[in-house]
Amino acid sequence: IDRIKKENDSMQVNLMHLKGEDINSLNHKELMVMEEALQNGLSSISAKQSEILRMVRKNDQILEEEHKQLQYASHQKEMAAMGGNMRVIQEEVYHQRDRDYEYQMPFSLRVQPMQPNLHERM
């Protein structure tokens, strides 16, 4: 039990030192060991942070590419839908022109019911 108590006290003191508390009691060698441990921890954190940043950028590029593909597919569908609508609109315009042409044509050039030979041609 005494051994465990001493070990626990030692760990408590080490934890206080790592927190930056009561470091005046440490000698030069112990301070160097602590500094090295802190440097290793800092470099490990920096490496992890860089890895996460790289992954975020890669995911961002993937999402941008997927967004472009979805926009392209959406645009293609819109164009296909508009193409079908354009055909209907063009047919309506064509038939409307035919109707308008009849009204724009002078009355004398229109097919008259009294002229059966013209009726048969048309």
N, C-alpha and C. Protein backbone atom coordinates (compact mmCIF):
# COMPACT_ATOMS: atom_id res chain seq x y z
N ILE A 1 0.84 -1.19 0.00
CA ILE A 1 0.00 0.00 0.00
C ILE A 1 0.88 1.25 0.00
N ASP A 2 1.95 1.23 0.76
CA ASP A 2 2.85 2.37 0.79
C ASP A 2 3.46 2.63 -0.59
N ARG A 3 3.81 1.55 -1.26
CA ARG A 3 4.38 1.69 -2.60
C ARG A 3 3.37 2.35 -3.55
N ILE A 4 2.13 1.93 -3.48
CA ILE A 4 1.09 2.49 -4.34
C ILE A 4 0.85 3.95 -3.98
N LYS A 5 0.90 4.27 -2.68
CA LYS A 5 0.73 5.65 -2.24
C LYS A 5 1.85 6.54 -2.78
N LYS A 6 3.09 6.06 -2.69
CA LYS A 6 4.23 6.82 -3.20
C LYS A 6 4.12 7.01 -4.72
N GLU A 7 3.72 5.95 -5.39
CA GLU A 7 3.56 6.03 -6.85
C GLU A 7 2.47 7.03 -7.22
N ASN A 8 1.39 7.02 -6.48
CA ASN A 8 0.29 7.95 -6.72
C ASN A 8 0.75 9.38 -6.47
N ASP A 9 1.47 9.61 -5.38
CA ASP A 9 1.98 10.94 -5.08
C ASP A 9 2.94 11.41 -6.17
N SER A 10 3.79 10.50 -6.63
CA SER A 10 4.74 10.83 -7.70
C SER A 10 3.99 11.22 -8.98
N MET A 11 2.96 10.48 -9.29
CA MET A 11 2.17 10.79 -10.49
C MET A 11 1.45 12.13 -10.34
N GLN A 12 0.98 12.42 -9.14
CA GLN A 12 0.32 13.71 -8.89
C GLN A 12 1.31 14.86 -9.11
N VAL A 13 2.53 14.69 -8.61
CA VAL A 13 3.56 15.72 -8.78
C VAL A 13 3.90 15.88 -10.26
N ASN A 14 4.05 14.76 -10.97
CA ASN A 14 4.34 14.82 -12.42
C ASN A 14 3.22 15.53 -13.17
N LEU A 15 1.99 15.25 -12.80
CA LEU A 15 0.84 15.90 -13.44
C LEU A 15 0.86 17.40 -13.17
N MET A 16 1.17 17.78 -11.94
CA MET A 16 1.27 19.20 -11.62
C MET A 16 2.37 19.87 -12.45
N HIS A 17 3.48 19.18 -12.59
CA HIS A 17 4.58 19.73 -13.38
C HIS A 17 4.18 19.88 -14.85
N LEU A 18 3.48 18.87 -15.39
CA LEU A 18 3.05 18.95 -16.78
C LEU A 18 2.02 20.06 -17.00
N LYS A 19 1.26 20.36 -15.97
CA LYS A 19 0.30 21.46 -16.06
C LYS A 19 1.00 22.82 -15.93
N GLY A 20 2.27 22.80 -15.58
CA GLY A 20 3.01 24.04 -15.43
C GLY A 20 3.00 24.56 -14.01
N GLU A 21 2.52 23.75 -13.08
CA GLU A 21 2.48 24.16 -11.68
C GLU A 21 3.74 23.63 -10.96
N ASP A 22 4.29 24.45 -10.12
CA ASP A 22 5.43 24.05 -9.26
C ASP A 22 6.61 23.50 -10.06
N ILE A 23 6.98 24.20 -11.13
CA ILE A 23 8.13 23.74 -11.93
C ILE A 23 9.45 24.30 -11.39
N ASN A 24 9.37 25.18 -10.41
CA ASN A 24 10.59 25.74 -9.81
C ASN A 24 11.40 24.68 -9.08
N SER A 25 10.73 23.64 -8.64
CA SER A 25 11.43 22.59 -7.89
C SER A 25 12.16 21.61 -8.81
N LEU A 26 11.96 21.71 -10.12
CA LEU A 26 12.60 20.78 -11.07
C LEU A 26 14.01 21.24 -11.39
N ASN A 27 14.90 20.26 -11.60
CA ASN A 27 16.25 20.60 -12.02
C ASN A 27 16.29 20.71 -13.56
N HIS A 28 17.44 21.07 -14.06
CA HIS A 28 17.60 21.31 -15.49
C HIS A 28 17.28 20.07 -16.33
N LYS A 29 17.75 18.93 -15.91
CA LYS A 29 17.55 17.69 -16.66
C LYS A 29 16.06 17.33 -16.75
N GLU A 30 15.34 17.49 -15.63
CA GLU A 30 13.90 17.19 -15.62
C GLU A 30 13.13 18.17 -16.51
N LEU A 31 13.56 19.42 -16.50
CA LEU A 31 12.92 20.41 -17.37
C LEU A 31 13.15 20.08 -18.84
N MET A 32 14.34 19.59 -19.18
CA MET A 32 14.64 19.21 -20.57
C MET A 32 13.75 18.04 -21.01
N VAL A 33 13.57 17.06 -20.12
CA VAL A 33 12.72 15.90 -20.43
C VAL A 33 11.28 16.37 -20.65
N MET A 34 10.81 17.28 -19.79
CA MET A 34 9.45 17.79 -19.93
C MET A 34 9.29 18.59 -21.22
N GLU A 35 10.30 19.38 -21.54
CA GLU A 35 10.25 20.17 -22.77
C GLU A 35 10.19 19.25 -23.99
N GLU A 36 10.98 18.20 -23.98
CA GLU A 36 10.98 17.25 -25.10
C GLU A 36 9.61 16.57 -25.23
N ALA A 37 9.02 16.20 -24.09
CA ALA A 37 7.69 15.56 -24.12
C ALA A 37 6.65 16.53 -24.69
N LEU A 38 6.75 17.79 -24.28
CA LEU A 38 5.81 18.80 -24.80
C LEU A 38 6.01 19.03 -26.30
N GLN A 39 7.28 19.06 -26.74
CA GLN A 39 7.58 19.24 -28.16
C GLN A 39 7.03 18.07 -28.98
N ASN A 40 7.22 16.85 -28.46
CA ASN A 40 6.69 15.66 -29.15
C ASN A 40 5.16 15.72 -29.25
N GLY A 41 4.52 16.12 -28.16
CA GLY A 41 3.06 16.25 -28.16
C GLY A 41 2.60 17.31 -29.15
N LEU A 42 3.32 18.43 -29.18
CA LEU A 42 2.98 19.51 -30.09
C LEU A 42 3.14 19.09 -31.55
N SER A 43 4.24 18.40 -31.86
CA SER A 43 4.44 17.95 -33.24
C SER A 43 3.40 16.91 -33.64
N SER A 44 3.01 16.06 -32.69
CA SER A 44 1.97 15.07 -32.96
C SER A 44 0.63 15.75 -33.26
N ILE A 45 0.32 16.78 -32.48
CA ILE A 45 -0.92 17.53 -32.70
C ILE A 45 -0.87 18.25 -34.04
N SER A 46 0.27 18.86 -34.38
CA SER A 46 0.41 19.55 -35.67
C SER A 46 0.25 18.59 -36.83
N ALA A 47 0.84 17.40 -36.72
CA ALA A 47 0.71 16.41 -37.79
C ALA A 47 -0.74 15.98 -37.95
N LYS A 48 -1.42 15.77 -36.85
CA LYS A 48 -2.83 15.36 -36.90
C LYS A 48 -3.68 16.47 -37.51
N GLN A 49 -3.39 17.71 -37.13
CA GLN A 49 -4.12 18.85 -37.66
C GLN A 49 -3.90 18.97 -39.17
N SER A 50 -2.67 18.79 -39.61
CA SER A 50 -2.37 18.85 -41.05
C SER A 50 -3.10 17.74 -41.80
N GLU A 51 -3.13 16.56 -41.23
CA GLU A 51 -3.83 15.43 -41.85
C GLU A 51 -5.33 15.71 -41.98
N ILE A 52 -5.91 16.26 -40.92
CA ILE A 52 -7.34 16.59 -40.96
C ILE A 52 -7.60 17.67 -42.00
N LEU A 53 -6.75 18.68 -42.07
CA LEU A 53 -6.91 19.75 -43.06
C LEU A 53 -6.80 19.19 -44.48
N ARG A 54 -5.86 18.28 -44.70
CA ARG A 54 -5.71 17.66 -46.01
C ARG A 54 -6.97 16.87 -46.38
N MET A 55 -7.51 16.13 -45.41
CA MET A 55 -8.72 15.35 -45.67
C MET A 55 -9.91 16.26 -45.97
N VAL A 56 -10.01 17.37 -45.25
CA VAL A 56 -11.11 18.32 -45.48
C VAL A 56 -11.01 18.91 -46.88
N ARG A 57 -9.80 19.28 -47.29
CA ARG A 57 -9.62 19.84 -48.64
C ARG A 57 -9.94 18.80 -49.71
N LYS A 58 -9.53 17.56 -49.49
CA LYS A 58 -9.83 16.50 -50.44
C LYS A 58 -11.34 16.28 -50.54
N ASN A 59 -12.01 16.23 -49.39
CA ASN A 59 -13.46 16.07 -49.39
C ASN A 59 -14.14 17.25 -50.07
N ASP A 60 -13.59 18.45 -49.87
CA ASP A 60 -14.14 19.64 -50.51
C ASP A 60 -14.04 19.53 -52.03
N GLN A 61 -12.89 19.06 -52.52
CA GLN A 61 -12.72 18.88 -53.96
C GLN A 61 -13.69 17.84 -54.50
N ILE A 62 -13.86 16.75 -53.75
CA ILE A 62 -14.78 15.69 -54.18
C ILE A 62 -16.20 16.24 -54.24
N LEU A 63 -16.59 17.01 -53.23
CA LEU A 63 -17.93 17.58 -53.20
C LEU A 63 -18.13 18.59 -54.33
N GLU A 64 -17.12 19.39 -54.62
CA GLU A 64 -17.22 20.35 -55.72
C GLU A 64 -17.39 19.62 -57.05
N GLU A 65 -16.64 18.55 -57.26
CA GLU A 65 -16.75 17.77 -58.49
C GLU A 65 -18.14 17.14 -58.60
N GLU A 66 -18.62 16.60 -57.49
CA GLU A 66 -19.96 16.00 -57.49
C GLU A 66 -21.02 17.06 -57.78
N HIS A 67 -20.83 18.26 -57.21
CA HIS A 67 -21.76 19.36 -57.45
C HIS A 67 -21.79 19.74 -58.93
N LYS A 68 -20.60 19.81 -59.54
CA LYS A 68 -20.53 20.12 -60.97
C LYS A 68 -21.24 19.07 -61.81
N GLN A 69 -21.05 17.80 -61.45
CA GLN A 69 -21.70 16.72 -62.19
C GLN A 69 -23.22 16.79 -62.04
N LEU A 70 -23.68 17.08 -60.84
CA LEU A 70 -25.12 17.20 -60.61
C LEU A 70 -25.70 18.40 -61.35
N GLN A 71 -24.97 19.50 -61.37
CA GLN A 71 -25.42 20.67 -62.12
C GLN A 71 -25.52 20.34 -63.61
N TYR A 72 -24.53 19.63 -64.12
CA TYR A 72 -24.52 19.26 -65.53
C TYR A 72 -25.71 18.35 -65.84
N ALA A 73 -25.95 17.36 -64.99
CA ALA A 73 -27.08 16.44 -65.20
C ALA A 73 -28.40 17.20 -65.13
N SER A 74 -28.51 18.11 -64.19
CA SER A 74 -29.73 18.92 -64.06
C SER A 74 -29.92 19.78 -65.30
N HIS A 75 -28.85 20.38 -65.78
CA HIS A 75 -28.93 21.21 -66.98
C HIS A 75 -29.34 20.38 -68.19
N GLN A 76 -28.80 19.17 -68.30
CA GLN A 76 -29.16 18.29 -69.42
C GLN A 76 -30.64 17.94 -69.36
N LYS A 77 -31.15 17.65 -68.17
CA LYS A 77 -32.56 17.32 -68.03
C LYS A 77 -33.44 18.51 -68.38
N GLU A 78 -33.02 19.70 -67.95
CA GLU A 78 -33.78 20.90 -68.29
C GLU A 78 -33.80 21.12 -69.80
N MET A 79 -32.65 20.93 -70.42
CA MET A 79 -32.58 21.12 -71.88
C MET A 79 -33.44 20.09 -72.60
N ALA A 80 -33.43 18.85 -72.12
CA ALA A 80 -34.26 17.82 -72.73
C ALA A 80 -35.74 18.17 -72.57
N ALA A 81 -36.11 18.64 -71.39
CA ALA A 81 -37.50 19.02 -71.16
C ALA A 81 -37.86 20.22 -72.02
N MET A 82 -36.95 21.17 -72.11
CA MET A 82 -37.21 22.34 -72.94
C MET A 82 -37.24 21.96 -74.41
N GLY A 83 -36.44 20.98 -74.79
CA GLY A 83 -36.44 20.53 -76.19
C GLY A 83 -37.80 19.99 -76.56
N GLY A 84 -38.41 19.20 -75.69
CA GLY A 84 -39.75 18.68 -75.94
C GLY A 84 -40.76 19.81 -75.99
N ASN A 85 -40.63 20.75 -75.08
CA ASN A 85 -41.53 21.90 -75.07
C ASN A 85 -41.30 22.78 -76.29
N MET A 86 -40.05 22.89 -76.72
CA MET A 86 -39.75 23.72 -77.89
C MET A 86 -40.39 23.14 -79.14
N ARG A 87 -40.41 21.82 -79.25
CA ARG A 87 -41.06 21.22 -80.42
C ARG A 87 -42.55 21.56 -80.44
N VAL A 88 -43.18 21.46 -79.28
CA VAL A 88 -44.61 21.79 -79.19
C VAL A 88 -44.82 23.25 -79.52
N ILE A 89 -43.96 24.12 -78.98
CA ILE A 89 -44.09 25.55 -79.24
C ILE A 89 -43.86 25.84 -80.72
N GLN A 90 -42.85 25.20 -81.32
CA GLN A 90 -42.58 25.43 -82.74
C GLN A 90 -43.75 24.98 -83.60
N GLU A 91 -44.36 23.86 -83.25
CA GLU A 91 -45.53 23.41 -84.01
C GLU A 91 -46.68 24.40 -83.86
N GLU A 92 -46.89 24.90 -82.66
CA GLU A 92 -47.95 25.88 -82.44
C GLU A 92 -47.68 27.15 -83.23
N VAL A 93 -46.43 27.60 -83.23
CA VAL A 93 -46.06 28.80 -83.99
C VAL A 93 -46.28 28.56 -85.48
N TYR A 94 -45.91 27.38 -85.96
CA TYR A 94 -46.08 27.06 -87.38
C TYR A 94 -47.56 27.11 -87.75
N HIS A 95 -48.41 26.50 -86.94
CA HIS A 95 -49.84 26.50 -87.23
C HIS A 95 -50.42 27.90 -87.08
N GLN A 96 -49.91 28.67 -86.15
CA GLN A 96 -50.39 30.04 -85.98
C GLN A 96 -50.01 30.87 -87.20
N ARG A 97 -48.83 30.65 -87.74
CA ARG A 97 -48.42 31.37 -88.96
C ARG A 97 -49.36 31.05 -90.12
N ASP A 98 -49.74 29.77 -90.22
CA ASP A 98 -50.68 29.40 -91.28
C ASP A 98 -51.98 30.14 -91.11
N ARG A 99 -52.48 30.21 -89.89
CA ARG A 99 -53.74 30.92 -89.66
C ARG A 99 -53.58 32.40 -89.92
N ASP A 100 -52.45 32.97 -89.47
CA ASP A 100 -52.21 34.40 -89.70
C ASP A 100 -52.06 34.69 -91.18
N TYR A 101 -51.45 33.79 -91.92
CA TYR A 101 -51.24 33.99 -93.34
C TYR A 101 -52.58 34.10 -94.07
N GLU A 102 -53.53 33.30 -93.65
CA GLU A 102 -54.84 33.36 -94.29
C GLU A 102 -55.47 34.72 -94.09
N TYR A 103 -55.28 35.32 -92.92
CA TYR A 103 -55.88 36.62 -92.66
C TYR A 103 -55.09 37.74 -93.32
N GLN A 104 -53.82 37.55 -93.55
CA GLN A 104 -53.00 38.58 -94.16
C GLN A 104 -53.11 38.58 -95.68
N MET A 105 -53.48 37.47 -96.25
CA MET A 105 -53.58 37.37 -97.69
C MET A 105 -54.78 38.20 -98.17
N PRO A 106 -54.58 38.95 -99.23
CA PRO A 106 -55.70 39.74 -99.74
C PRO A 106 -56.88 38.83 -100.11
N PHE A 107 -58.04 39.38 -99.94
CA PHE A 107 -59.25 38.60 -100.18
C PHE A 107 -59.32 38.10 -101.61
N SER A 108 -58.83 38.85 -102.53
CA SER A 108 -58.92 38.46 -103.94
C SER A 108 -58.06 37.24 -104.25
N LEU A 109 -56.99 37.00 -103.46
CA LEU A 109 -56.12 35.86 -103.72
C LEU A 109 -56.58 34.59 -103.00
N ARG A 110 -57.55 34.71 -102.14
CA ARG A 110 -58.01 33.54 -101.42
C ARG A 110 -58.85 32.66 -102.33
N VAL A 111 -58.96 31.42 -101.98
CA VAL A 111 -59.78 30.49 -102.75
C VAL A 111 -61.24 30.88 -102.55
N GLN A 112 -61.89 31.09 -103.64
CA GLN A 112 -63.29 31.48 -103.60
C GLN A 112 -64.17 30.27 -103.83
N PRO A 113 -65.26 30.17 -103.12
CA PRO A 113 -66.16 29.04 -103.32
C PRO A 113 -66.74 28.99 -104.73
N MET A 114 -66.74 30.10 -105.41
CA MET A 114 -67.31 30.11 -106.76
C MET A 114 -66.35 29.53 -107.79
N GLN A 115 -65.12 29.32 -107.43
CA GLN A 115 -64.14 28.81 -108.38
C GLN A 115 -63.76 27.39 -107.97
N PRO A 116 -64.50 26.40 -108.43
CA PRO A 116 -64.28 25.02 -108.01
C PRO A 116 -62.93 24.47 -108.42
N ASN A 117 -62.38 24.91 -109.54
CA ASN A 117 -61.09 24.37 -109.96
C ASN A 117 -59.97 24.74 -108.98
N LEU A 118 -60.04 25.90 -108.37
CA LEU A 118 -59.04 26.28 -107.37
C LEU A 118 -59.24 25.49 -106.07
N HIS A 119 -60.46 25.19 -105.78
CA HIS A 119 -60.77 24.41 -104.59
C HIS A 119 -60.14 23.03 -104.65
N GLU A 120 -60.19 22.42 -105.81
CA GLU A 120 -59.69 21.07 -105.97
C GLU A 120 -58.17 21.01 -105.85
N ARG A 121 -57.50 22.04 -106.27
CA ARG A 121 -56.04 22.06 -106.19
C ARG A 121 -55.55 22.12 -104.75
N MET A 122 -56.21 22.84 -103.97
CA MET A 122 -55.76 23.03 -102.60
C MET A 122 -56.34 21.95 -101.77
